[in-house]
Amino acid sequence: MLVLLDKNVPYPVRGFLLHHTVRTAAELGWDRLTNGDVLNAGEAEGFDVMVTADQSLSYQQNLMNRTIALVFLGTNRLSLLEAEPERIVLAVDAATAGSYRFVKYELPPKPKRD
């Protein structure tokens, strides 16, 4: 499967997806494109899945009739992603054209203010 990591996904996530071909928006020169343009470029280049931490993208884009799938990460904190990399792998492996999957992570509580 050909996987595109959006600019807001930490680069080390690539290492979780060793059985896929993974490219980043930055290495393709797409790091300055808007969300919709990155999605369009990825689809035009034959990517099967785009992984992003931009959850608003799910509200901005209609995936019906798309050939690319989206996997949304509930955070881009590398420490949380590294603690459970299999969650990302399972979501990418299960992705199908025009679908989206949300990988939720339990965020630590915010510190209390005095």
PDB file of N, CA and C in Angstrom:
ATOM      1  N   MET A   1       0.851  -1.167   0.000  1.00  0.00           N
ATOM      2  CA  MET A   1       0.000   0.000   0.000  1.00  0.00           C
ATOM      3  C   MET A   1       0.905   1.241   0.000  1.00  0.00           C
ATOM      4  N   LEU A   2       0.524   2.262  -0.741  1.00  0.00           N
ATOM      5  CA  LEU A   2       1.262   3.518  -0.811  1.00  0.00           C
ATOM      6  C   LEU A   2       0.621   4.509   0.156  1.00  0.00           C
ATOM      7  N   VAL A   3       1.403   4.949   1.164  1.00  0.00           N
ATOM      8  CA  VAL A   3       0.889   5.762   2.266  1.00  0.00           C
ATOM      9  C   VAL A   3       1.557   7.136   2.259  1.00  0.00           C
ATOM     10  N   LEU A   4       0.734   8.173   2.390  1.00  0.00           N
ATOM     11  CA  LEU A   4       1.205   9.556   2.464  1.00  0.00           C
ATOM     12  C   LEU A   4       1.041  10.063   3.893  1.00  0.00           C
ATOM     13  N   LEU A   5       2.142  10.558   4.493  1.00  0.00           N
ATOM     14  CA  LEU A   5       2.070  11.188   5.809  1.00  0.00           C
ATOM     15  C   LEU A   5       1.942  12.686   5.612  1.00  0.00           C
ATOM     16  N   ASP A   6       0.884  13.260   6.153  1.00  0.00           N
ATOM     17  CA  ASP A   6       0.657  14.695   6.077  1.00  0.00           C
ATOM     18  C   ASP A   6       1.750  15.421   6.865  1.00  0.00           C
ATOM     19  N   LYS A   7       1.874  16.713   6.620  1.00  0.00           N
ATOM     20  CA  LYS A   7       2.944  17.505   7.246  1.00  0.00           C
ATOM     21  C   LYS A   7       2.838  17.583   8.764  1.00  0.00           C
ATOM     22  N   ASN A   8       1.678  17.298   9.325  1.00  0.00           N
ATOM     23  CA  ASN A   8       1.492  17.401  10.777  1.00  0.00           C
ATOM     24  C   ASN A   8       1.698  16.070  11.500  1.00  0.00           C
ATOM     25  N   VAL A   9       2.112  15.049  10.783  1.00  0.00           N
ATOM     26  CA  VAL A   9       2.368  13.738  11.376  1.00  0.00           C
ATOM     27  C   VAL A   9       3.879  13.611  11.611  1.00  0.00           C
ATOM     28  N   PRO A  10       4.289  13.267  12.825  1.00  0.00           N
ATOM     29  CA  PRO A  10       5.721  13.140  13.103  1.00  0.00           C
ATOM     30  C   PRO A  10       6.389  12.121  12.175  1.00  0.00           C
ATOM     31  N   TYR A  11       7.539  12.503  11.662  1.00  0.00           N
ATOM     32  CA  TYR A  11       8.272  11.667  10.718  1.00  0.00           C
ATOM     33  C   TYR A  11       8.500  10.230  11.210  1.00  0.00           C
ATOM     34  N   PRO A  12       8.807   9.992  12.498  1.00  0.00           N
ATOM     35  CA  PRO A  12       9.044   8.615  12.950  1.00  0.00           C
ATOM     36  C   PRO A  12       7.860   7.658  12.781  1.00  0.00           C
ATOM     37  N   VAL A  13       6.661   8.172  12.540  1.00  0.00           N
ATOM     38  CA  VAL A  13       5.504   7.295  12.296  1.00  0.00           C
ATOM     39  C   VAL A  13       5.780   6.405  11.076  1.00  0.00           C
ATOM     40  N   ARG A  14       6.593   6.896  10.176  1.00  0.00           N
ATOM     41  CA  ARG A  14       6.978   6.115   8.993  1.00  0.00           C
ATOM     42  C   ARG A  14       7.505   4.732   9.407  1.00  0.00           C
ATOM     43  N   GLY A  15       8.265   4.689  10.482  1.00  0.00           N
ATOM     44  CA  GLY A  15       8.843   3.433  10.941  1.00  0.00           C
ATOM     45  C   GLY A  15       7.828   2.421  11.440  1.00  0.00           C
ATOM     46  N   PHE A  16       6.626   2.845  11.762  1.00  0.00           N
ATOM     47  CA  PHE A  16       5.570   1.927  12.189  1.00  0.00           C
ATOM     48  C   PHE A  16       5.001   1.145  11.006  1.00  0.00           C
ATOM     49  N   LEU A  17       5.163   1.679   9.818  1.00  0.00           N
ATOM     50  CA  LEU A  17       4.490   1.146   8.624  1.00  0.00           C
ATOM     51  C   LEU A  17       5.486   0.501   7.667  1.00  0.00           C
ATOM     52  N   LEU A  18       6.359  -0.327   8.199  1.00  0.00           N
ATOM     53  CA  LEU A  18       7.453  -0.894   7.412  1.00  0.00           C
ATOM     54  C   LEU A  18       6.992  -1.772   6.250  1.00  0.00           C
ATOM     55  N   HIS A  19       5.822  -2.360   6.333  1.00  0.00           N
ATOM     56  CA  HIS A  19       5.355  -3.218   5.243  1.00  0.00           C
ATOM     57  C   HIS A  19       4.585  -2.429   4.179  1.00  0.00           C
ATOM     58  N   HIS A  20       4.646  -1.099   4.260  1.00  0.00           N
ATOM     59  CA  HIS A  20       4.035  -0.227   3.261  1.00  0.00           C
ATOM     60  C   HIS A  20       5.110   0.689   2.676  1.00  0.00           C
ATOM     61  N   THR A  21       4.830   1.273   1.538  1.00  0.00           N
ATOM     62  CA  THR A  21       5.688   2.315   0.983  1.00  0.00           C
ATOM     63  C   THR A  21       5.156   3.633   1.509  1.00  0.00           C
ATOM     64  N   VAL A  22       5.985   4.362   2.249  1.00  0.00           N
ATOM     65  CA  VAL A  22       5.547   5.581   2.925  1.00  0.00           C
ATOM     66  C   VAL A  22       6.352   6.767   2.422  1.00  0.00           C
ATOM     67  N   ARG A  23       5.645   7.833   2.078  1.00  0.00           N
ATOM     68  CA  ARG A  23       6.270   9.104   1.678  1.00  0.00           C
ATOM     69  C   ARG A  23       5.656  10.201   2.530  1.00  0.00           C
ATOM     70  N   THR A  24       6.402  11.268   2.715  1.00  0.00           N
ATOM     71  CA  THR A  24       5.885  12.391   3.487  1.00  0.00           C
ATOM     72  C   THR A  24       5.559  13.556   2.554  1.00  0.00           C
ATOM     73  N   ALA A  25       4.616  14.373   2.982  1.00  0.00           N
ATOM     74  CA  ALA A  25       4.261  15.560   2.196  1.00  0.00           C
ATOM     75  C   ALA A  25       5.485  16.451   2.025  1.00  0.00           C
ATOM     76  N   ALA A  26       6.315  16.544   3.054  1.00  0.00           N
ATOM     77  CA  ALA A  26       7.506  17.401   2.993  1.00  0.00           C
ATOM     78  C   ALA A  26       8.488  16.915   1.937  1.00  0.00           C
ATOM     79  N   GLU A  27       8.743  15.621   1.886  1.00  0.00           N
ATOM     80  CA  GLU A  27       9.723  15.128   0.912  1.00  0.00           C
ATOM     81  C   GLU A  27       9.208  15.234  -0.524  1.00  0.00           C
ATOM     82  N   LEU A  28       7.907  15.321  -0.684  1.00  0.00           N
ATOM     83  CA  LEU A  28       7.326  15.494  -2.015  1.00  0.00           C
ATOM     84  C   LEU A  28       7.177  16.965  -2.390  1.00  0.00           C
ATOM     85  N   GLY A  29       7.519  17.859  -1.461  1.00  0.00           N
ATOM     86  CA  GLY A  29       7.375  19.289  -1.713  1.00  0.00           C
ATOM     87  C   GLY A  29       5.953  19.785  -1.555  1.00  0.00           C
ATOM     88  N   TRP A  30       5.131  19.034  -0.842  1.00  0.00           N
ATOM     89  CA  TRP A  30       3.722  19.375  -0.679  1.00  0.00           C
ATOM     90  C   TRP A  30       3.434  19.986   0.681  1.00  0.00           C
ATOM     91  N   ASP A  31       4.461  20.302   1.453  1.00  0.00           N
ATOM     92  CA  ASP A  31       4.249  20.791   2.808  1.00  0.00           C
ATOM     93  C   ASP A  31       3.652  22.193   2.860  1.00  0.00           C
ATOM     94  N   ARG A  32       3.595  22.888   1.747  1.00  0.00           N
ATOM     95  CA  ARG A  32       2.971  24.215   1.721  1.00  0.00           C
ATOM     96  C   ARG A  32       1.563  24.185   1.110  1.00  0.00           C
ATOM     97  N   LEU A  33       1.131  23.020   0.676  1.00  0.00           N
ATOM     98  CA  LEU A  33      -0.209  22.909   0.101  1.00  0.00           C
ATOM     99  C   LEU A  33      -1.262  22.907   1.202  1.00  0.00           C
ATOM    100  N   THR A  34      -2.457  23.378   0.868  1.00  0.00           N
ATOM    101  CA  THR A  34      -3.574  23.316   1.805  1.00  0.00           C
ATOM    102  C   THR A  34      -4.047  21.869   1.920  1.00  0.00           C
ATOM    103  N   ASN A  35      -4.849  21.595   2.937  1.00  0.00           N
ATOM    104  CA  ASN A  35      -5.319  20.227   3.180  1.00  0.00           C
ATOM    105  C   ASN A  35      -5.954  19.581   1.957  1.00  0.00           C
ATOM    106  N   GLY A  36      -6.889  20.276   1.353  1.00  0.00           N
ATOM    107  CA  GLY A  36      -7.571  19.713   0.189  1.00  0.00           C
ATOM    108  C   GLY A  36      -6.625  19.479  -0.970  1.00  0.00           C
ATOM    109  N   ASP A  37      -5.664  20.367  -1.141  1.00  0.00           N
ATOM    110  CA  ASP A  37      -4.700  20.216  -2.233  1.00  0.00           C
ATOM    111  C   ASP A  37      -3.755  19.041  -1.994  1.00  0.00           C
ATOM    112  N   VAL A  38      -3.367  18.817  -0.734  1.00  0.00           N
ATOM    113  CA  VAL A  38      -2.523  17.658  -0.419  1.00  0.00           C
ATOM    114  C   VAL A  38      -3.291  16.378  -0.716  1.00  0.00           C
ATOM    115  N   LEU A  39      -4.534  16.341  -0.333  1.00  0.00           N
ATOM    116  CA  LEU A  39      -5.375  15.177  -0.584  1.00  0.00           C
ATOM    117  C   LEU A  39      -5.522  14.937  -2.085  1.00  0.00           C
ATOM    118  N   ASN A  40      -5.774  15.987  -2.842  1.00  0.00           N
ATOM    119  CA  ASN A  40      -5.901  15.858  -4.297  1.00  0.00           C
ATOM    120  C   ASN A  40      -4.600  15.396  -4.940  1.00  0.00           C
ATOM    121  N   ALA A  41      -3.481  15.965  -4.503  1.00  0.00           N
ATOM    122  CA  ALA A  41      -2.180  15.583  -5.058  1.00  0.00           C
ATOM    123  C   ALA A  41      -1.870  14.133  -4.730  1.00  0.00           C
ATOM    124  N   GLY A  42      -2.159  13.730  -3.501  1.00  0.00           N
ATOM    125  CA  GLY A  42      -1.921  12.344  -3.115  1.00  0.00           C
ATOM    126  C   GLY A  42      -2.743  11.368  -3.925  1.00  0.00           C
ATOM    127  N   GLU A  43      -3.974  11.712  -4.130  1.00  0.00           N
ATOM    128  CA  GLU A  43      -4.851  10.852  -4.925  1.00  0.00           C
ATOM    129  C   GLU A  43      -4.364  10.786  -6.375  1.00  0.00           C
ATOM    130  N   ALA A  44      -3.972  11.925  -6.934  1.00  0.00           N
ATOM    131  CA  ALA A  44      -3.483  11.973  -8.319  1.00  0.00           C
ATOM    132  C   ALA A  44      -2.202  11.159  -8.502  1.00  0.00           C
ATOM    133  N   GLU A  45      -1.392  11.081  -7.444  1.00  0.00           N
ATOM    134  CA  GLU A  45      -0.129  10.335  -7.507  1.00  0.00           C
ATOM    135  C   GLU A  45      -0.293   8.858  -7.151  1.00  0.00           C
ATOM    136  N   GLY A  46      -1.521   8.433  -6.888  1.00  0.00           N
ATOM    137  CA  GLY A  46      -1.780   7.018  -6.656  1.00  0.00           C
ATOM    138  C   GLY A  46      -1.636   6.540  -5.229  1.00  0.00           C
ATOM    139  N   PHE A  47      -1.622   7.467  -4.270  1.00  0.00           N
ATOM    140  CA  PHE A  47      -1.561   7.043  -2.872  1.00  0.00           C
ATOM    141  C   PHE A  47      -2.863   6.357  -2.482  1.00  0.00           C
ATOM    142  N   ASP A  48      -2.736   5.321  -1.669  1.00  0.00           N
ATOM    143  CA  ASP A  48      -3.907   4.582  -1.193  1.00  0.00           C
ATOM    144  C   ASP A  48      -4.480   5.193   0.082  1.00  0.00           C
ATOM    145  N   VAL A  49      -3.582   5.708   0.941  1.00  0.00           N
ATOM    146  CA  VAL A  49      -3.976   6.212   2.251  1.00  0.00           C
ATOM    147  C   VAL A  49      -3.195   7.481   2.566  1.00  0.00           C
ATOM    148  N   MET A  50      -3.883   8.438   3.194  1.00  0.00           N
ATOM    149  CA  MET A  50      -3.202   9.597   3.744  1.00  0.00           C
ATOM    150  C   MET A  50      -3.433   9.578   5.244  1.00  0.00           C
ATOM    151  N   VAL A  51      -2.336   9.691   6.022  1.00  0.00           N
ATOM    152  CA  VAL A  51      -2.405   9.747   7.475  1.00  0.00           C
ATOM    153  C   VAL A  51      -2.215  11.200   7.877  1.00  0.00           C
ATOM    154  N   THR A  52      -3.133  11.714   8.686  1.00  0.00           N
ATOM    155  CA  THR A  52      -3.085  13.111   9.100  1.00  0.00           C
ATOM    156  C   THR A  52      -3.491  13.249  10.557  1.00  0.00           C
ATOM    157  N   ALA A  53      -2.993  14.303  11.192  1.00  0.00           N
ATOM    158  CA  ALA A  53      -3.428  14.634  12.549  1.00  0.00           C
ATOM    159  C   ALA A  53      -4.392  15.813  12.519  1.00  0.00           C
ATOM    160  N   ASP A  54      -4.740  16.275  11.337  1.00  0.00           N
ATOM    161  CA  ASP A  54      -5.672  17.398  11.178  1.00  0.00           C
ATOM    162  C   ASP A  54      -7.092  16.852  11.156  1.00  0.00           C
ATOM    163  N   GLN A  55      -7.728  16.840  12.320  1.00  0.00           N
ATOM    164  CA  GLN A  55      -9.057  16.253  12.430  1.00  0.00           C
ATOM    165  C   GLN A  55     -10.136  17.068  11.730  1.00  0.00           C
ATOM    166  N   SER A  56      -9.883  18.338  11.482  1.00  0.00           N
ATOM    167  CA  SER A  56     -10.877  19.155  10.781  1.00  0.00           C
ATOM    168  C   SER A  56     -11.020  18.739   9.326  1.00  0.00           C
ATOM    169  N   LEU A  57     -10.029  18.034   8.812  1.00  0.00           N
ATOM    170  CA  LEU A  57     -10.082  17.586   7.422  1.00  0.00           C
ATOM    171  C   LEU A  57     -11.285  16.678   7.170  1.00  0.00           C
ATOM    172  N   SER A  58     -11.694  15.925   8.194  1.00  0.00           N
ATOM    173  CA  SER A  58     -12.849  15.025   8.027  1.00  0.00           C
ATOM    174  C   SER A  58     -14.131  15.803   7.776  1.00  0.00           C
ATOM    175  N   TYR A  59     -14.200  17.045   8.254  1.00  0.00           N
ATOM    176  CA  TYR A  59     -15.383  17.874   8.041  1.00  0.00           C
ATOM    177  C   TYR A  59     -15.291  18.677   6.747  1.00  0.00           C
ATOM    178  N   GLN A  60     -14.073  18.852   6.262  1.00  0.00           N
ATOM    179  CA  GLN A  60     -13.848  19.685   5.085  1.00  0.00           C
ATOM    180  C   GLN A  60     -13.945  18.914   3.774  1.00  0.00           C
ATOM    181  N   GLN A  61     -13.736  17.609   3.826  1.00  0.00           N
ATOM    182  CA  GLN A  61     -13.630  16.824   2.599  1.00  0.00           C
ATOM    183  C   GLN A  61     -14.692  15.742   2.520  1.00  0.00           C
ATOM    184  N   ASN A  62     -15.267  15.594   1.363  1.00  0.00           N
ATOM    185  CA  ASN A  62     -16.187  14.507   1.086  1.00  0.00           C
ATOM    186  C   ASN A  62     -15.377  13.401   0.417  1.00  0.00           C
ATOM    187  N   LEU A  63     -15.332  12.243   1.026  1.00  0.00           N
ATOM    188  CA  LEU A  63     -14.517  11.156   0.491  1.00  0.00           C
ATOM    189  C   LEU A  63     -15.277  10.254  -0.478  1.00  0.00           C
ATOM    190  N   MET A  64     -16.563  10.535  -0.673  1.00  0.00           N
ATOM    191  CA  MET A  64     -17.333   9.729  -1.610  1.00  0.00           C
ATOM    192  C   MET A  64     -16.703   9.852  -3.004  1.00  0.00           C
ATOM    193  N   ASN A  65     -16.577   8.756  -3.684  1.00  0.00           N
ATOM    194  CA  ASN A  65     -15.983   8.672  -5.019  1.00  0.00           C
ATOM    195  C   ASN A  65     -14.488   8.978  -5.038  1.00  0.00           C
ATOM    196  N   ARG A  66     -13.829   8.942  -3.893  1.00  0.00           N
ATOM    197  CA  ARG A  66     -12.384   9.123  -3.812  1.00  0.00           C
ATOM    198  C   ARG A  66     -11.704   7.759  -3.883  1.00  0.00           C
ATOM    199  N   THR A  67     -10.486   7.751  -4.390  1.00  0.00           N
ATOM    200  CA  THR A  67      -9.712   6.510  -4.423  1.00  0.00           C
ATOM    201  C   THR A  67      -8.735   6.437  -3.255  1.00  0.00           C
ATOM    202  N   ILE A  68      -8.631   7.500  -2.495  1.00  0.00           N
ATOM    203  CA  ILE A  68      -7.722   7.552  -1.352  1.00  0.00           C
ATOM    204  C   ILE A  68      -8.535   7.449  -0.056  1.00  0.00           C
ATOM    205  N   ALA A  69      -7.937   6.819   0.937  1.00  0.00           N
ATOM    206  CA  ALA A  69      -8.552   6.713   2.261  1.00  0.00           C
ATOM    207  C   ALA A  69      -7.821   7.664   3.197  1.00  0.00           C
ATOM    208  N   LEU A  70      -8.478   8.055   4.278  1.00  0.00           N
ATOM    209  CA  LEU A  70      -7.868   8.915   5.286  1.00  0.00           C
ATOM    210  C   LEU A  70      -7.826   8.197   6.625  1.00  0.00           C
ATOM    211  N   VAL A  71      -6.691   8.338   7.301  1.00  0.00           N
ATOM    212  CA  VAL A  71      -6.551   7.867   8.679  1.00  0.00           C
ATOM    213  C   VAL A  71      -6.219   9.091   9.511  1.00  0.00           C
ATOM    214  N   PHE A  72      -7.106   9.406  10.468  1.00  0.00           N
ATOM    215  CA  PHE A  72      -6.944  10.563  11.335  1.00  0.00           C
ATOM    216  C   PHE A  72      -6.358  10.122  12.668  1.00  0.00           C
ATOM    217  N   LEU A  73      -5.309  10.776  13.088  1.00  0.00           N
ATOM    218  CA  LEU A  73      -4.713  10.501  14.386  1.00  0.00           C
ATOM    219  C   LEU A  73      -5.278  11.482  15.400  1.00  0.00           C
ATOM    220  N   GLY A  74      -5.643  10.995  16.567  1.00  0.00           N
ATOM    221  CA  GLY A  74      -6.218  11.840  17.604  1.00  0.00           C
ATOM    222  C   GLY A  74      -5.204  12.775  18.246  1.00  0.00           C
ATOM    223  N   THR A  75      -3.940  12.598  17.916  1.00  0.00           N
ATOM    224  CA  THR A  75      -2.868  13.460  18.410  1.00  0.00           C
ATOM    225  C   THR A  75      -1.670  13.333  17.477  1.00  0.00           C
ATOM    226  N   ASN A  76      -0.777  14.297  17.563  1.00  0.00           N
ATOM    227  CA  ASN A  76       0.492  14.138  16.857  1.00  0.00           C
ATOM    228  C   ASN A  76       1.654  14.136  17.856  1.00  0.00           C
ATOM    229  N   ARG A  77       1.332  13.888  19.125  1.00  0.00           N
ATOM    230  CA  ARG A  77       2.366  13.748  20.150  1.00  0.00           C
ATOM    231  C   ARG A  77       3.068  12.416  19.949  1.00  0.00           C
ATOM    232  N   LEU A  78       4.325  12.508  19.598  1.00  0.00           N
ATOM    233  CA  LEU A  78       5.076  11.301  19.270  1.00  0.00           C
ATOM    234  C   LEU A  78       5.118  10.313  20.431  1.00  0.00           C
ATOM    235  N   SER A  79       5.242  10.779  21.655  1.00  0.00           N
ATOM    236  CA  SER A  79       5.317   9.864  22.796  1.00  0.00           C
ATOM    237  C   SER A  79       4.058   9.001  22.903  1.00  0.00           C
ATOM    238  N   LEU A  80       2.902   9.571  22.620  1.00  0.00           N
ATOM    239  CA  LEU A  80       1.652   8.801  22.662  1.00  0.00           C
ATOM    240  C   LEU A  80       1.558   7.846  21.479  1.00  0.00           C
ATOM    241  N   LEU A  81       1.969   8.296  20.312  1.00  0.00           N
ATOM    242  CA  LEU A  81       1.925   7.442  19.126  1.00  0.00           C
ATOM    243  C   LEU A  81       2.882   6.258  19.267  1.00  0.00           C
ATOM    244  N   GLU A  82       4.060   6.513  19.807  1.00  0.00           N
ATOM    245  CA  GLU A  82       5.051   5.447  19.978  1.00  0.00           C
ATOM    246  C   GLU A  82       4.620   4.414  21.015  1.00  0.00           C
ATOM    247  N   ALA A  83       3.782   4.805  21.959  1.00  0.00           N
ATOM    248  CA  ALA A  83       3.318   3.882  22.993  1.00  0.00           C
ATOM    249  C   ALA A  83       2.398   2.799  22.430  1.00  0.00           C
ATOM    250  N   GLU A  84       1.692   3.121  21.338  1.00  0.00           N
ATOM    251  CA  GLU A  84       0.762   2.160  20.738  1.00  0.00           C
ATOM    252  C   GLU A  84       0.799   2.257  19.207  1.00  0.00           C
ATOM    253  N   PRO A  85       1.927   1.962  18.602  1.00  0.00           N
ATOM    254  CA  PRO A  85       2.033   2.093  17.147  1.00  0.00           C
ATOM    255  C   PRO A  85       1.114   1.145  16.376  1.00  0.00           C
ATOM    256  N   GLU A  86       0.771   0.033  17.008  1.00  0.00           N
ATOM    257  CA  GLU A  86      -0.076  -0.955  16.328  1.00  0.00           C
ATOM    258  C   GLU A  86      -1.445  -0.383  15.980  1.00  0.00           C
ATOM    259  N   ARG A  87      -1.895   0.616  16.717  1.00  0.00           N
ATOM    260  CA  ARG A  87      -3.195   1.218  16.420  1.00  0.00           C
ATOM    261  C   ARG A  87      -3.173   1.899  15.052  1.00  0.00           C
ATOM    262  N   ILE A  88      -2.072   2.548  14.742  1.00  0.00           N
ATOM    263  CA  ILE A  88      -1.931   3.203  13.434  1.00  0.00           C
ATOM    264  C   ILE A  88      -1.816   2.145  12.348  1.00  0.00           C
ATOM    265  N   VAL A  89      -1.019   1.123  12.610  1.00  0.00           N
ATOM    266  CA  VAL A  89      -0.832   0.043  11.628  1.00  0.00           C
ATOM    267  C   VAL A  89      -2.172  -0.612  11.295  1.00  0.00           C
ATOM    268  N   LEU A  90      -2.954  -0.930  12.305  1.00  0.00           N
ATOM    269  CA  LEU A  90      -4.253  -1.569  12.073  1.00  0.00           C
ATOM    270  C   LEU A  90      -5.187  -0.669  11.260  1.00  0.00           C
ATOM    271  N   ALA A  91      -5.195   0.622  11.556  1.00  0.00           N
ATOM    272  CA  ALA A  91      -6.063   1.550  10.823  1.00  0.00           C
ATOM    273  C   ALA A  91      -5.637   1.666   9.366  1.00  0.00           C
ATOM    274  N   VAL A  92      -4.338   1.757   9.125  1.00  0.00           N
ATOM    275  CA  VAL A  92      -3.855   1.845   7.736  1.00  0.00           C
ATOM    276  C   VAL A  92      -4.143   0.541   7.001  1.00  0.00           C
ATOM    277  N   ASP A  93      -3.873  -0.584   7.637  1.00  0.00           N
ATOM    278  CA  ASP A  93      -4.112  -1.883   6.996  1.00  0.00           C
ATOM    279  C   ASP A  93      -5.590  -2.083   6.644  1.00  0.00           C
ATOM    280  N   ALA A  94      -6.495  -1.529   7.429  1.00  0.00           N
ATOM    281  CA  ALA A  94      -7.930  -1.716   7.206  1.00  0.00           C
ATOM    282  C   ALA A  94      -8.530  -0.671   6.266  1.00  0.00           C
ATOM    283  N   ALA A  95      -7.762   0.331   5.899  1.00  0.00           N
ATOM    284  CA  ALA A  95      -8.283   1.421   5.058  1.00  0.00           C
ATOM    285  C   ALA A  95      -8.657   0.927   3.661  1.00  0.00           C
ATOM    286  N   THR A  96      -9.772   1.454   3.173  1.00  0.00           N
ATOM    287  CA  THR A  96     -10.218   1.143   1.816  1.00  0.00           C
ATOM    288  C   THR A  96     -10.551   2.454   1.109  1.00  0.00           C
ATOM    289  N   ALA A  97     -10.557   2.429  -0.184  1.00  0.00           N
ATOM    290  CA  ALA A  97     -10.803   3.641  -0.980  1.00  0.00           C
ATOM    291  C   ALA A  97     -12.043   4.388  -0.498  1.00  0.00           C
ATOM    292  N   GLY A  98     -11.870   5.686  -0.277  1.00  0.00           N
ATOM    293  CA  GLY A  98     -12.985   6.532   0.109  1.00  0.00           C
ATOM    294  C   GLY A  98     -13.414   6.421   1.555  1.00  0.00           C
ATOM    295  N   SER A  99     -12.658   5.696   2.366  1.00  0.00           N
ATOM    296  CA  SER A  99     -13.033   5.528   3.774  1.00  0.00           C
ATOM    297  C   SER A  99     -12.179   6.428   4.653  1.00  0.00           C
ATOM    298  N   TYR A 100     -12.616   6.561   5.892  1.00  0.00           N
ATOM    299  CA  TYR A 100     -11.755   7.216   6.864  1.00  0.00           C
ATOM    300  C   TYR A 100     -11.860   6.494   8.190  1.00  0.00           C
ATOM    301  N   ARG A 101     -10.747   6.505   8.891  1.00  0.00           N
ATOM    302  CA  ARG A 101     -10.660   5.870  10.202  1.00  0.00           C
ATOM    303  C   ARG A 101     -10.064   6.872  11.173  1.00  0.00           C
ATOM    304  N   PHE A 102     -10.557   6.859  12.390  1.00  0.00           N
ATOM    305  CA  PHE A 102     -10.056   7.745  13.426  1.00  0.00           C
ATOM    306  C   PHE A 102      -9.346   6.903  14.479  1.00  0.00           C
ATOM    307  N   VAL A 103      -8.093   7.240  14.747  1.00  0.00           N
ATOM    308  CA  VAL A 103      -7.312   6.531  15.752  1.00  0.00           C
ATOM    309  C   VAL A 103      -7.264   7.423  16.987  1.00  0.00           C
ATOM    310  N   LYS A 104      -8.042   7.050  17.978  1.00  0.00           N
ATOM    311  CA  LYS A 104      -8.179   7.868  19.182  1.00  0.00           C
ATOM    312  C   LYS A 104      -7.096   7.505  20.192  1.00  0.00           C
ATOM    313  N   TYR A 105      -6.568   8.522  20.833  1.00  0.00           N
ATOM    314  CA  TYR A 105      -5.574   8.353  21.884  1.00  0.00           C
ATOM    315  C   TYR A 105      -6.056   9.070  23.133  1.00  0.00           C
ATOM    316  N   GLU A 106      -5.803   8.468  24.266  1.00  0.00           N
ATOM    317  CA  GLU A 106      -6.155   9.082  25.542  1.00  0.00           C
ATOM    318  C   GLU A 106      -5.091  10.121  25.868  1.00  0.00           C
ATOM    319  N   LEU A 107      -5.492  11.373  25.861  1.00  0.00           N
ATOM    320  CA  LEU A 107      -4.563  12.457  26.147  1.00  0.00           C
ATOM    321  C   LEU A 107      -4.435  12.635  27.653  1.00  0.00           C
ATOM    322  N   PRO A 108      -3.231  12.961  28.109  1.00  0.00           N
ATOM    323  CA  PRO A 108      -3.073  13.190  29.546  1.00  0.00           C
ATOM    324  C   PRO A 108      -3.881  14.416  29.981  1.00  0.00           C
ATOM    325  N   PRO A 109      -4.320  14.422  31.238  1.00  0.00           N
ATOM    326  CA  PRO A 109      -5.105  15.573  31.701  1.00  0.00           C
ATOM    327  C   PRO A 109      -4.254  16.844  31.698  1.00  0.00           C
ATOM    328  N   LYS A 110      -4.921  17.957  31.458  1.00  0.00           N
ATOM    329  CA  LYS A 110      -4.222  19.233  31.509  1.00  0.00           C
ATOM    330  C   LYS A 110      -3.942  19.583  32.962  1.00  0.00           C
ATOM    331  N   PRO A 111      -2.782  20.204  33.197  1.00  0.00           N
ATOM    332  CA  PRO A 111      -2.476  20.593  34.586  1.00  0.00           C
ATOM    333  C   PRO A 111      -3.500  21.583  35.126  1.00  0.00           C
ATOM    334  N   LYS A 112      -3.806  21.444  36.402  1.00  0.00           N
ATOM    335  CA  LYS A 112      -4.763  22.355  37.035  1.00  0.00           C
ATOM    336  C   LYS A 112      -4.100  23.695  37.285  1.00  0.00           C
ATOM    337  N   ARG A 113      -4.876  24.731  37.076  1.00  0.00           N
ATOM    338  CA  ARG A 113      -4.396  26.085  37.373  1.00  0.00           C
ATOM    339  C   ARG A 113      -4.795  26.453  38.788  1.00  0.00           C
ATOM    340  N   ASP A 114      -3.907  27.129  39.450  1.00  0.00           N
ATOM    341  CA  ASP A 114      -4.228  27.588  40.817  1.00  0.00           C
ATOM    342  C   ASP A 114      -4.823  28.956  40.827  1.00  0.00           C
TER     343      ASP A 114
END
